[in-house]
Amino acid sequence: MDMSDYALAQLANERLAHAREVASRRALLASLTPRGPSLRVRLGGALVALGQRLLGEPAPQRVTP
């Protein structure tokens, strides 16, 4: 099936307009959601803090002459 240049340009413009609309909706959604540290970062920090708390006081360092 051969398409004329005009029909091909119209199809490309429609697809481009749709892609821009989707991108603007996604950008709007992203701007509305609060962005803080991810769950992975928060969980990692909590685990590190827990590990340090469980260790208690640090072990004495050996002094080498």
PDB file of N, CA and C in Angstrom:
ATOM      1  N   MET A   1       0.845  -1.175   0.000  1.00  0.00           N
ATOM      2  CA  MET A   1       0.000   0.000   0.000  1.00  0.00           C
ATOM      3  C   MET A   1       0.888   1.235   0.000  1.00  0.00           C
ATOM      4  N   ASP A   2       0.698   2.075  -0.988  1.00  0.00           N
ATOM      5  CA  ASP A   2       1.466   3.294  -1.114  1.00  0.00           C
ATOM      6  C   ASP A   2       0.702   4.447  -0.473  1.00  0.00           C
ATOM      7  N   MET A   3       1.393   5.226   0.350  1.00  0.00           N
ATOM      8  CA  MET A   3       0.753   6.375   0.981  1.00  0.00           C
ATOM      9  C   MET A   3       1.317   7.643   0.365  1.00  0.00           C
ATOM     10  N   SER A   4       0.474   8.611   0.215  1.00  0.00           N
ATOM     11  CA  SER A   4       0.956   9.887  -0.305  1.00  0.00           C
ATOM     12  C   SER A   4       1.754  10.591   0.788  1.00  0.00           C
ATOM     13  N   ASP A   5       2.546  11.532   0.363  1.00  0.00           N
ATOM     14  CA  ASP A   5       3.351  12.286   1.328  1.00  0.00           C
ATOM     15  C   ASP A   5       2.469  13.045   2.305  1.00  0.00           C
ATOM     16  N   TYR A   6       1.358  13.563   1.821  1.00  0.00           N
ATOM     17  CA  TYR A   6       0.441  14.309   2.681  1.00  0.00           C
ATOM     18  C   TYR A   6      -0.148  13.396   3.757  1.00  0.00           C
ATOM     19  N   ALA A   7      -0.611  12.213   3.368  1.00  0.00           N
ATOM     20  CA  ALA A   7      -1.209  11.288   4.327  1.00  0.00           C
ATOM     21  C   ALA A   7      -0.170  10.836   5.347  1.00  0.00           C
ATOM     22  N   LEU A   8       1.044  10.592   4.904  1.00  0.00           N
ATOM     23  CA  LEU A   8       2.110  10.186   5.805  1.00  0.00           C
ATOM     24  C   LEU A   8       2.448  11.305   6.794  1.00  0.00           C
ATOM     25  N   ALA A   9       2.485  12.540   6.307  1.00  0.00           N
ATOM     26  CA  ALA A   9       2.756  13.671   7.193  1.00  0.00           C
ATOM     27  C   ALA A   9       1.629  13.847   8.206  1.00  0.00           C
ATOM     28  N   GLN A  10       0.381  13.666   7.796  1.00  0.00           N
ATOM     29  CA  GLN A  10      -0.748  13.782   8.711  1.00  0.00           C
ATOM     30  C   GLN A  10      -0.679  12.708   9.794  1.00  0.00           C
ATOM     31  N   LEU A  11      -0.356  11.496   9.406  1.00  0.00           N
ATOM     32  CA  LEU A  11      -0.236  10.400  10.364  1.00  0.00           C
ATOM     33  C   LEU A  11       0.888  10.686  11.359  1.00  0.00           C
ATOM     34  N   ALA A  12       2.008  11.177  10.867  1.00  0.00           N
ATOM     35  CA  ALA A  12       3.130  11.506  11.746  1.00  0.00           C
ATOM     36  C   ALA A  12       2.752  12.626  12.711  1.00  0.00           C
ATOM     37  N   ASN A  13       2.036  13.633  12.229  1.00  0.00           N
ATOM     38  CA  ASN A  13       1.612  14.732  13.097  1.00  0.00           C
ATOM     39  C   ASN A  13       0.653  14.255  14.176  1.00  0.00           C
ATOM     40  N   GLU A  14      -0.265  13.341  13.832  1.00  0.00           N
ATOM     41  CA  GLU A  14      -1.197  12.814  14.823  1.00  0.00           C
ATOM     42  C   GLU A  14      -0.459  12.025  15.903  1.00  0.00           C
ATOM     43  N   ARG A  15       0.488  11.203  15.478  1.00  0.00           N
ATOM     44  CA  ARG A  15       1.251  10.416  16.449  1.00  0.00           C
ATOM     45  C   ARG A  15       2.100  11.317  17.339  1.00  0.00           C
ATOM     46  N   LEU A  16       2.685  12.346  16.759  1.00  0.00           N
ATOM     47  CA  LEU A  16       3.497  13.279  17.528  1.00  0.00           C
ATOM     48  C   LEU A  16       2.638  14.041  18.528  1.00  0.00           C
ATOM     49  N   ALA A  17       1.457  14.469  18.116  1.00  0.00           N
ATOM     50  CA  ALA A  17       0.556  15.169  19.024  1.00  0.00           C
ATOM     51  C   ALA A  17       0.146  14.256  20.177  1.00  0.00           C
ATOM     52  N   HIS A  18      -0.128  12.998  19.881  1.00  0.00           N
ATOM     53  CA  HIS A  18      -0.506  12.046  20.927  1.00  0.00           C
ATOM     54  C   HIS A  18       0.652  11.831  21.899  1.00  0.00           C
ATOM     55  N   ALA A  19       1.863  11.681  21.370  1.00  0.00           N
ATOM     56  CA  ALA A  19       3.035  11.479  22.221  1.00  0.00           C
ATOM     57  C   ALA A  19       3.270  12.690  23.119  1.00  0.00           C
ATOM     58  N   ARG A  20       3.074  13.887  22.581  1.00  0.00           N
ATOM     59  CA  ARG A  20       3.238  15.097  23.402  1.00  0.00           C
ATOM     60  C   ARG A  20       2.186  15.163  24.502  1.00  0.00           C
ATOM     61  N   GLU A  21       0.956  14.754  24.180  1.00  0.00           N
ATOM     62  CA  GLU A  21      -0.114  14.757  25.171  1.00  0.00           C
ATOM     63  C   GLU A  21       0.188  13.779  26.310  1.00  0.00           C
ATOM     64  N   VAL A  22       0.650  12.600  25.954  1.00  0.00           N
ATOM     65  CA  VAL A  22       1.001  11.602  26.974  1.00  0.00           C
ATOM     66  C   VAL A  22       2.147  12.108  27.835  1.00  0.00           C
ATOM     67  N   ALA A  23       3.140  12.715  27.213  1.00  0.00           N
ATOM     68  CA  ALA A  23       4.292  13.230  27.957  1.00  0.00           C
ATOM     69  C   ALA A  23       3.876  14.346  28.912  1.00  0.00           C
ATOM     70  N   SER A  24       2.972  15.211  28.470  1.00  0.00           N
ATOM     71  CA  SER A  24       2.547  16.297  29.354  1.00  0.00           C
ATOM     72  C   SER A  24       1.728  15.766  30.524  1.00  0.00           C
ATOM     73  N   ARG A  25       0.928  14.729  30.297  1.00  0.00           N
ATOM     74  CA  ARG A  25       0.178  14.126  31.404  1.00  0.00           C
ATOM     75  C   ARG A  25       1.114  13.480  32.411  1.00  0.00           C
ATOM     76  N   ARG A  26       2.109  12.781  31.907  1.00  0.00           N
ATOM     77  CA  ARG A  26       3.074  12.147  32.815  1.00  0.00           C
ATOM     78  C   ARG A  26       3.858  13.190  33.603  1.00  0.00           C
ATOM     79  N   ALA A  27       4.229  14.285  32.962  1.00  0.00           N
ATOM     80  CA  ALA A  27       4.953  15.346  33.655  1.00  0.00           C
ATOM     81  C   ALA A  27       4.075  15.977  34.733  1.00  0.00           C
ATOM     82  N   LEU A  28       2.796  16.162  34.432  1.00  0.00           N
ATOM     83  CA  LEU A  28       1.872  16.714  35.420  1.00  0.00           C
ATOM     84  C   LEU A  28       1.743  15.773  36.611  1.00  0.00           C
ATOM     85  N   LEU A  29       1.597  14.489  36.351  1.00  0.00           N
ATOM     86  CA  LEU A  29       1.505  13.513  37.438  1.00  0.00           C
ATOM     87  C   LEU A  29       2.774  13.500  38.276  1.00  0.00           C
ATOM     88  N   ALA A  30       3.912  13.559  37.624  1.00  0.00           N
ATOM     89  CA  ALA A  30       5.184  13.543  38.347  1.00  0.00           C
ATOM     90  C   ALA A  30       5.342  14.787  39.212  1.00  0.00           C
ATOM     91  N   SER A  31       4.815  15.912  38.759  1.00  0.00           N
ATOM     92  CA  SER A  31       4.945  17.134  39.545  1.00  0.00           C
ATOM     93  C   SER A  31       4.002  17.134  40.744  1.00  0.00           C
ATOM     94  N   LEU A  32       2.944  16.344  40.694  1.00  0.00           N
ATOM     95  CA  LEU A  32       1.978  16.311  41.791  1.00  0.00           C
ATOM     96  C   LEU A  32       2.355  15.334  42.890  1.00  0.00           C
ATOM     97  N   THR A  33       3.126  14.312  42.562  1.00  0.00           N
ATOM     98  CA  THR A  33       3.495  13.327  43.572  1.00  0.00           C
ATOM     99  C   THR A  33       4.709  13.814  44.345  1.00  0.00           C
ATOM    100  N   PRO A  34       4.681  13.681  45.667  1.00  0.00           N
ATOM    101  CA  PRO A  34       5.833  14.125  46.462  1.00  0.00           C
ATOM    102  C   PRO A  34       7.022  13.215  46.218  1.00  0.00           C
ATOM    103  N   ARG A  35       8.156  13.820  46.015  1.00  0.00           N
ATOM    104  CA  ARG A  35       9.365  13.038  45.763  1.00  0.00           C
ATOM    105  C   ARG A  35      10.303  13.173  46.945  1.00  0.00           C
ATOM    106  N   GLY A  36      10.526  12.101  47.614  1.00  0.00           N
ATOM    107  CA  GLY A  36      11.481  12.049  48.710  1.00  0.00           C
ATOM    108  C   GLY A  36      12.408  10.884  48.452  1.00  0.00           C
ATOM    109  N   PRO A  37      13.154  10.527  49.458  1.00  0.00           N
ATOM    110  CA  PRO A  37      14.003   9.350  49.287  1.00  0.00           C
ATOM    111  C   PRO A  37      13.150   8.112  49.015  1.00  0.00           C
ATOM    112  N   SER A  38      13.637   7.258  48.173  1.00  0.00           N
ATOM    113  CA  SER A  38      12.887   6.059  47.824  1.00  0.00           C
ATOM    114  C   SER A  38      12.807   5.120  49.017  1.00  0.00           C
ATOM    115  N   LEU A  39      11.922   4.177  48.933  1.00  0.00           N
ATOM    116  CA  LEU A  39      11.758   3.200  50.006  1.00  0.00           C
ATOM    117  C   LEU A  39      13.057   2.440  50.233  1.00  0.00           C
ATOM    118  N   ARG A  40      13.756   2.118  49.156  1.00  0.00           N
ATOM    119  CA  ARG A  40      15.016   1.384  49.275  1.00  0.00           C
ATOM    120  C   ARG A  40      16.052   2.184  50.060  1.00  0.00           C
ATOM    121  N   VAL A  41      16.131   3.488  49.806  1.00  0.00           N
ATOM    122  CA  VAL A  41      17.098   4.335  50.504  1.00  0.00           C
ATOM    123  C   VAL A  41      16.733   4.455  51.977  1.00  0.00           C
ATOM    124  N   ARG A  42      15.450   4.663  52.253  1.00  0.00           N
ATOM    125  CA  ARG A  42      15.020   4.777  53.650  1.00  0.00           C
ATOM    126  C   ARG A  42      15.236   3.478  54.413  1.00  0.00           C
ATOM    127  N   LEU A  43      14.926   2.352  53.778  1.00  0.00           N
ATOM    128  CA  LEU A  43      15.117   1.063  54.427  1.00  0.00           C
ATOM    129  C   LEU A  43      16.598   0.799  54.675  1.00  0.00           C
ATOM    130  N   GLY A  44      17.441   1.132  53.714  1.00  0.00           N
ATOM    131  CA  GLY A  44      18.883   0.951  53.896  1.00  0.00           C
ATOM    132  C   GLY A  44      19.414   1.775  55.043  1.00  0.00           C
ATOM    133  N   GLY A  45      18.975   3.034  55.148  1.00  0.00           N
ATOM    134  CA  GLY A  45      19.405   3.885  56.254  1.00  0.00           C
ATOM    135  C   GLY A  45      18.947   3.343  57.595  1.00  0.00           C
ATOM    136  N   ALA A  46      17.721   2.834  57.637  1.00  0.00           N
ATOM    137  CA  ALA A  46      17.201   2.267  58.883  1.00  0.00           C
ATOM    138  C   ALA A  46      17.991   1.025  59.284  1.00  0.00           C
ATOM    139  N   LEU A  47      18.335   0.191  58.311  1.00  0.00           N
ATOM    140  CA  LEU A  47      19.107  -1.011  58.623  1.00  0.00           C
ATOM    141  C   LEU A  47      20.517  -0.672  59.103  1.00  0.00           C
ATOM    142  N   VAL A  48      21.119   0.333  58.507  1.00  0.00           N
ATOM    143  CA  VAL A  48      22.451   0.753  58.950  1.00  0.00           C
ATOM    144  C   VAL A  48      22.377   1.287  60.373  1.00  0.00           C
ATOM    145  N   ALA A  49      21.379   2.113  60.659  1.00  0.00           N
ATOM    146  CA  ALA A  49      21.223   2.650  62.007  1.00  0.00           C
ATOM    147  C   ALA A  49      20.972   1.535  63.019  1.00  0.00           C
ATOM    148  N   LEU A  50      20.158   0.569  62.646  1.00  0.00           N
ATOM    149  CA  LEU A  50      19.897  -0.558  63.534  1.00  0.00           C
ATOM    150  C   LEU A  50      21.168  -1.363  63.784  1.00  0.00           C
ATOM    151  N   GLY A  51      21.936  -1.595  62.734  1.00  0.00           N
ATOM    152  CA  GLY A  51      23.190  -2.326  62.895  1.00  0.00           C
ATOM    153  C   GLY A  51      24.156  -1.608  63.810  1.00  0.00           C
ATOM    154  N   GLN A  52      24.259  -0.309  63.679  1.00  0.00           N
ATOM    155  CA  GLN A  52      25.149   0.470  64.549  1.00  0.00           C
ATOM    156  C   GLN A  52      24.650   0.436  65.989  1.00  0.00           C
ATOM    157  N   ARG A  53      23.364   0.464  66.157  1.00  0.00           N
ATOM    158  CA  ARG A  53      22.796   0.420  67.511  1.00  0.00           C
ATOM    159  C   ARG A  53      23.042  -0.937  68.150  1.00  0.00           C
ATOM    160  N   LEU A  54      22.905  -2.003  67.367  1.00  0.00           N
ATOM    161  CA  LEU A  54      23.139  -3.342  67.899  1.00  0.00           C
ATOM    162  C   LEU A  54      24.607  -3.574  68.243  1.00  0.00           C
ATOM    163  N   LEU A  55      25.505  -2.926  67.537  1.00  0.00           N
ATOM    164  CA  LEU A  55      26.925  -3.074  67.827  1.00  0.00           C
ATOM    165  C   LEU A  55      27.288  -2.460  69.168  1.00  0.00           C
ATOM    166  N   GLY A  56      26.563  -1.450  69.554  1.00  0.00           N
ATOM    167  CA  GLY A  56      26.882  -0.786  70.819  1.00  0.00           C
ATOM    168  C   GLY A  56      28.119   0.076  70.656  1.00  0.00           C
ATOM    169  N   GLU A  57      28.946   0.061  71.706  1.00  0.00           N
ATOM    170  CA  GLU A  57      30.161   0.850  71.646  1.00  0.00           C
ATOM    171  C   GLU A  57      31.165   0.152  70.739  1.00  0.00           C
ATOM    172  N   PRO A  58      31.941   0.936  70.013  1.00  0.00           N
ATOM    173  CA  PRO A  58      32.925   0.316  69.112  1.00  0.00           C
ATOM    174  C   PRO A  58      33.993  -0.432  69.903  1.00  0.00           C
ATOM    175  N   ALA A  59      34.516  -1.495  69.320  1.00  0.00           N
ATOM    176  CA  ALA A  59      35.570  -2.274  69.957  1.00  0.00           C
ATOM    177  C   ALA A  59      36.837  -1.422  70.057  1.00  0.00           C
ATOM    178  N   PRO A  60      37.636  -1.643  71.124  1.00  0.00           N
ATOM    179  CA  PRO A  60      38.865  -0.861  71.253  1.00  0.00           C
ATOM    180  C   PRO A  60      39.822  -1.175  70.111  1.00  0.00           C
ATOM    181  N   GLN A  61      40.500  -0.154  69.638  1.00  0.00           N
ATOM    182  CA  GLN A  61      41.434  -0.293  68.542  1.00  0.00           C
ATOM    183  C   GLN A  61      42.777  -0.776  69.054  1.00  0.00           C
ATOM    184  N   ARG A  62      43.402  -1.682  68.291  1.00  0.00           N
ATOM    185  CA  ARG A  62      44.734  -2.147  68.661  1.00  0.00           C
ATOM    186  C   ARG A  62      45.744  -1.085  68.286  1.00  0.00           C
ATOM    187  N   VAL A  63      46.661  -0.864  69.193  1.00  0.00           N
ATOM    188  CA  VAL A  63      47.712   0.105  68.944  1.00  0.00           C
ATOM    189  C   VAL A  63      48.935  -0.656  68.475  1.00  0.00           C
ATOM    190  N   THR A  64      49.414  -0.301  67.285  1.00  0.00           N
ATOM    191  CA  THR A  64      50.618  -0.964  66.768  1.00  0.00           C
ATOM    192  C   THR A  64      51.819  -0.058  66.981  1.00  0.00           C
ATOM    193  N   PRO A  65      52.910  -0.632  67.458  1.00  0.00           N
ATOM    194  CA  PRO A  65      54.099   0.214  67.727  1.00  0.00           C
ATOM    195  C   PRO A  65      54.755   0.717  66.485  1.00  0.00           C
TER     196      PRO A  65
END
